[in-house]
C-alpha atoms as a PDB file:
ATOM      1  CA  MET A   1       0.000   0.000   0.000  1.00  0.00           C
ATOM      2  CA  ALA A   2       1.319   3.495  -0.883  1.00  0.00           C
ATOM      3  CA  LYS A   3       2.292   5.990   1.809  1.00  0.00           C
ATOM      4  CA  ASP A   4      -0.089   8.960   2.118  1.00  0.00           C
ATOM      5  CA  ASN A   5       2.003  12.127   1.720  1.00  0.00           C
ATOM      6  CA  LEU A   6      -0.835  14.290   3.051  1.00  0.00           C
ATOM      7  CA  LYS A   7      -0.199  12.911   6.559  1.00  0.00           C
ATOM      8  CA  LEU A   8       2.834  15.211   6.667  1.00  0.00           C
ATOM      9  CA  PHE A   9       0.397  18.127   7.050  1.00  0.00           C
ATOM     10  CA  VAL A  10      -1.441  16.742  10.090  1.00  0.00           C
ATOM     11  CA  ASN A  11      -1.150  19.181  13.054  1.00  0.00           C
ATOM     12  CA  LYS A  12       0.208  21.908  10.758  1.00  0.00           C
ATOM     13  CA  SER A  13      -1.161  25.346   9.972  1.00  0.00           C
ATOM     14  CA  THR A  14      -0.330  28.063   7.467  1.00  0.00           C
ATOM     15  CA  CYS A  15       0.659  31.626   8.209  1.00  0.00           C
ATOM     16  CA  SER A  16      -2.019  34.094   7.163  1.00  0.00           C
ATOM     17  CA  ALA A  17       0.654  36.638   6.204  1.00  0.00           C
ATOM     18  CA  CYS A  18       3.151  34.621   4.137  1.00  0.00           C
ATOM     19  CA  GLY A  19       1.719  31.099   3.773  1.00  0.00           C
ATOM     20  CA  CYS A  20       4.556  29.363   5.597  1.00  0.00           C
ATOM     21  CA  ILE A  21       3.625  25.936   7.014  1.00  0.00           C
ATOM     22  CA  ASP A  22       4.321  25.515  10.718  1.00  0.00           C
ATOM     23  CA  SER A  23       3.092  23.504  13.713  1.00  0.00           C
ATOM     24  CA  ILE A  24      -0.338  24.291  15.105  1.00  0.00           C
ATOM     25  CA  GLY A  25      -0.064  26.430  18.215  1.00  0.00           C
ATOM     26  CA  SER A  26       3.150  28.224  17.328  1.00  0.00           C
ATOM     27  CA  PHE A  27       3.068  31.814  18.509  1.00  0.00           C
ATOM     28  CA  ARG A  28       5.281  33.269  15.806  1.00  0.00           C
ATOM     29  CA  CYS A  29       5.794  32.414  12.143  1.00  0.00           C
ATOM     30  CA  THR A  30       9.256  31.074  11.367  1.00  0.00           C
ATOM     31  CA  GLY A  31       9.053  32.459   7.847  1.00  0.00           C
ATOM     32  CA  CYS A  32       8.044  36.095   8.294  1.00  0.00           C
ATOM     33  CA  GLY A  33       8.102  36.589  12.079  1.00  0.00           C
ATOM     34  CA  SER A  34       4.501  37.732  12.465  1.00  0.00           C
ATOM     35  CA  PHE A  35       2.671  36.786  15.645  1.00  0.00           C
ATOM     36  CA  HIS A  36      -0.290  34.389  15.458  1.00  0.00           C
ATOM     37  CA  SER A  37      -1.345  34.665  19.055  1.00  0.00           C
ATOM     38  CA  ASN A  38      -2.433  37.385  21.409  1.00  0.00           C
ATOM     39  CA  THR A  39      -0.607  35.773  24.342  1.00  0.00           C
ATOM     40  CA  HIS A  40       2.103  38.432  24.237  1.00  0.00           C
ATOM     41  CA  LEU A  41      -0.595  41.133  24.510  1.00  0.00           C
ATOM     42  CA  ILE A  42      -2.233  39.872  27.710  1.00  0.00           C
ATOM     43  CA  ASP A  43      -2.685  42.656  30.258  1.00  0.00           C
ATOM     44  CA  ARG A  44      -0.841  42.015  33.478  1.00  0.00           C
ATOM     45  CA  GLU A  45      -0.622  44.060  36.633  1.00  0.00           C
ATOM     46  CA  ALA A  46       2.621  45.851  37.350  1.00  0.00           C
ATOM     47  CA  PRO A  47       4.561  44.614  40.372  1.00  0.00           C
ATOM     48  CA  PRO A  48       4.238  46.701  43.528  1.00  0.00           C
ATOM     49  CA  PRO A  49       6.827  49.503  43.867  1.00  0.00           C
ATOM     50  CA  GLU A  50       8.750  47.755  46.635  1.00  0.00           C
ATOM     51  CA  ASP A  51       9.369  44.755  44.348  1.00  0.00           C
ATOM     52  CA  ARG A  52      10.449  46.754  41.301  1.00  0.00           C
ATOM     53  CA  TYR A  53      13.966  47.673  42.399  1.00  0.00           C
ATOM     54  CA  PRO A  54      16.305  45.654  44.584  1.00  0.00           C
ATOM     55  CA  ASP A  55      17.515  47.259  47.797  1.00  0.00           C
ATOM     56  CA  ASP A  56      21.184  46.434  47.249  1.00  0.00           C
ATOM     57  CA  LEU A  57      21.806  48.834  44.336  1.00  0.00           C
ATOM     58  CA  PRO A  58      24.689  51.249  44.902  1.00  0.00           C
ATOM     59  CA  ALA A  59      23.821  54.915  45.315  1.00  0.00           C
ATOM     60  CA  VAL A  60      24.614  56.946  42.211  1.00  0.00           C
ATOM     61  CA  ASP A  61      25.499  60.610  42.360  1.00  0.00           C
ATOM     62  CA  PRO A  62      23.711  62.292  39.415  1.00  0.00           C
ATOM     63  CA  SER A  63      26.242  65.107  39.345  1.00  0.00           C
ATOM     64  CA  ALA A  64      28.846  62.540  38.291  1.00  0.00           C
ATOM     65  CA  TYR A  65      27.300  62.565  34.843  1.00  0.00           C
ATOM     66  CA  SER A  66      26.926  66.339  34.530  1.00  0.00           C
ATOM     67  CA  ILE A  67      28.521  68.023  31.543  1.00  0.00           C
ATOM     68  CA  GLY A  68      28.738  71.417  33.186  1.00  0.00           C
ATOM     69  CA  PRO A  69      31.950  73.432  32.813  1.00  0.00           C
ATOM     70  CA  ASN A  70      32.740  73.305  36.540  1.00  0.00           C
ATOM     71  CA  GLN A  71      32.237  69.557  36.927  1.00  0.00           C
ATOM     72  CA  LYS A  72      35.254  67.620  38.168  1.00  0.00           C
ATOM     73  CA  ILE A  73      36.180  64.360  36.509  1.00  0.00           C
ATOM     74  CA  LEU A  74      35.491  61.505  38.883  1.00  0.00           C
ATOM     75  CA  GLU A  75      38.154  58.975  39.640  1.00  0.00           C
ATOM     76  CA  GLU A  76      36.928  55.536  38.696  1.00  0.00           C
ATOM     77  CA  SER A  77      38.427  52.218  39.562  1.00  0.00           C
ATOM     78  CA  PHE A  78      38.015  48.940  37.752  1.00  0.00           C
ATOM     79  CA  GLU A  79      38.818  45.414  38.712  1.00  0.00           C
ATOM     80  CA  GLN A  80      42.167  44.341  37.339  1.00  0.00           C
ATOM     81  CA  SER A  81      42.740  40.828  36.141  1.00  0.00           C
ATOM     82  CA  ASP A  82      45.957  38.916  35.577  1.00  0.00           C
ATOM     83  CA  ASP A  83      44.268  37.135  32.659  1.00  0.00           C
ATOM     84  CA  VAL A  84      44.979  40.105  30.400  1.00  0.00           C
ATOM     85  CA  THR A  85      48.101  39.692  28.333  1.00  0.00           C
ATOM     86  CA  THR A  86      49.800  42.201  26.109  1.00  0.00           C
ATOM     87  CA  TRP A  87      49.848  41.528  22.420  1.00  0.00           C
ATOM     88  CA  ASN A  88      53.256  41.285  20.848  1.00  0.00           C
ATOM     89  CA  GLY A  89      53.343  40.859  17.140  1.00  0.00           C
ATOM     90  CA  GLY A  90      52.030  42.161  13.896  1.00  0.00           C
ATOM     91  CA  SER A  91      53.688  44.346  11.339  1.00  0.00           C
ATOM     92  CA  THR A  92      51.421  47.379  11.334  1.00  0.00           C
ATOM     93  CA  ASP A  93      53.215  50.604  12.138  1.00  0.00           C
ATOM     94  CA  PHE A  94      50.910  53.361  13.359  1.00  0.00           C
ATOM     95  CA  SER A  95      53.674  55.845  14.111  1.00  0.00           C
ATOM     96  CA  PHE A  96      53.708  59.263  12.458  1.00  0.00           C
ATOM     97  CA  GLN A  97      56.615  60.301  10.283  1.00  0.00           C
ATOM     98  CA  GLU A  98      57.487  63.811   9.219  1.00  0.00           C
ATOM     99  CA  ASP A  99      56.330  64.586   5.691  1.00  0.00           C
ATOM    100  CA  GLU A 100      58.982  65.733   3.253  1.00  0.00           C
ATOM    101  CA  GLY A 101      56.643  68.329   1.827  1.00  0.00           C
ATOM    102  CA  VAL A 102      54.047  68.121  -0.898  1.00  0.00           C
ATOM    103  CA  LYS A 103      55.238  66.258  -3.937  1.00  0.00           C
ATOM    104  CA  ASN A 104      54.275  67.313  -7.448  1.00  0.00           C
ATOM    105  CA  LEU A 105      52.264  64.462  -8.922  1.00  0.00           C
ATOM    106  CA  VAL A 106      52.106  65.984 -12.411  1.00  0.00           C
ATOM    107  CA  ALA A 107      55.097  65.222 -14.637  1.00  0.00           C
ATOM    108  CA  PRO A 108      56.679  68.091 -16.560  1.00  0.00           C
ATOM    109  CA  LYS A 109      55.535  68.359 -20.178  1.00  0.00           C
ATOM    110  CA  GLY A 110      58.852  67.313 -21.683  1.00  0.00           C
ATOM    111  CA  ASP A 111      59.167  64.043 -19.692  1.00  0.00           C
ATOM    112  CA  SER A 112      55.830  62.401 -20.547  1.00  0.00           C
ATOM    113  CA  PRO A 113      55.881  59.394 -22.896  1.00  0.00           C
ATOM    114  CA  PRO A 114      54.067  59.621 -26.239  1.00  0.00           C
ATOM    115  CA  PRO A 115      50.413  58.481 -26.249  1.00  0.00           C
ATOM    116  CA  GLU A 116      49.605  54.984 -27.447  1.00  0.00           C
ATOM    117  CA  GLU A 117      47.091  54.160 -30.120  1.00  0.00           C
ATOM    118  CA  LEU A 118      44.779  51.229 -29.529  1.00  0.00           C
END
């Protein structure tokens, strides 16, 4: 008896936007990314204010981020790690060299070769 190829489409649905075939119950189309469910739009209550922010956050001085002309630059410290190694190698030279002046890129009229005919 021959195998029924239509059984491949059991428990499948098509996207109404692009026609992509996907499993029934999928929330988002794998082809075009459109949502097929309103589950992500369900209204939920916001958590109470005391649960919104943890109590162990460090205090931040807002004047530290001021761009006023009299603002002092804060000293910051970062954790140092011995895992950082310096990179030795490569052939790129980023040093600046003194220019010898502007060079004339146009050859004098007497030194140019004759034109070629194609």
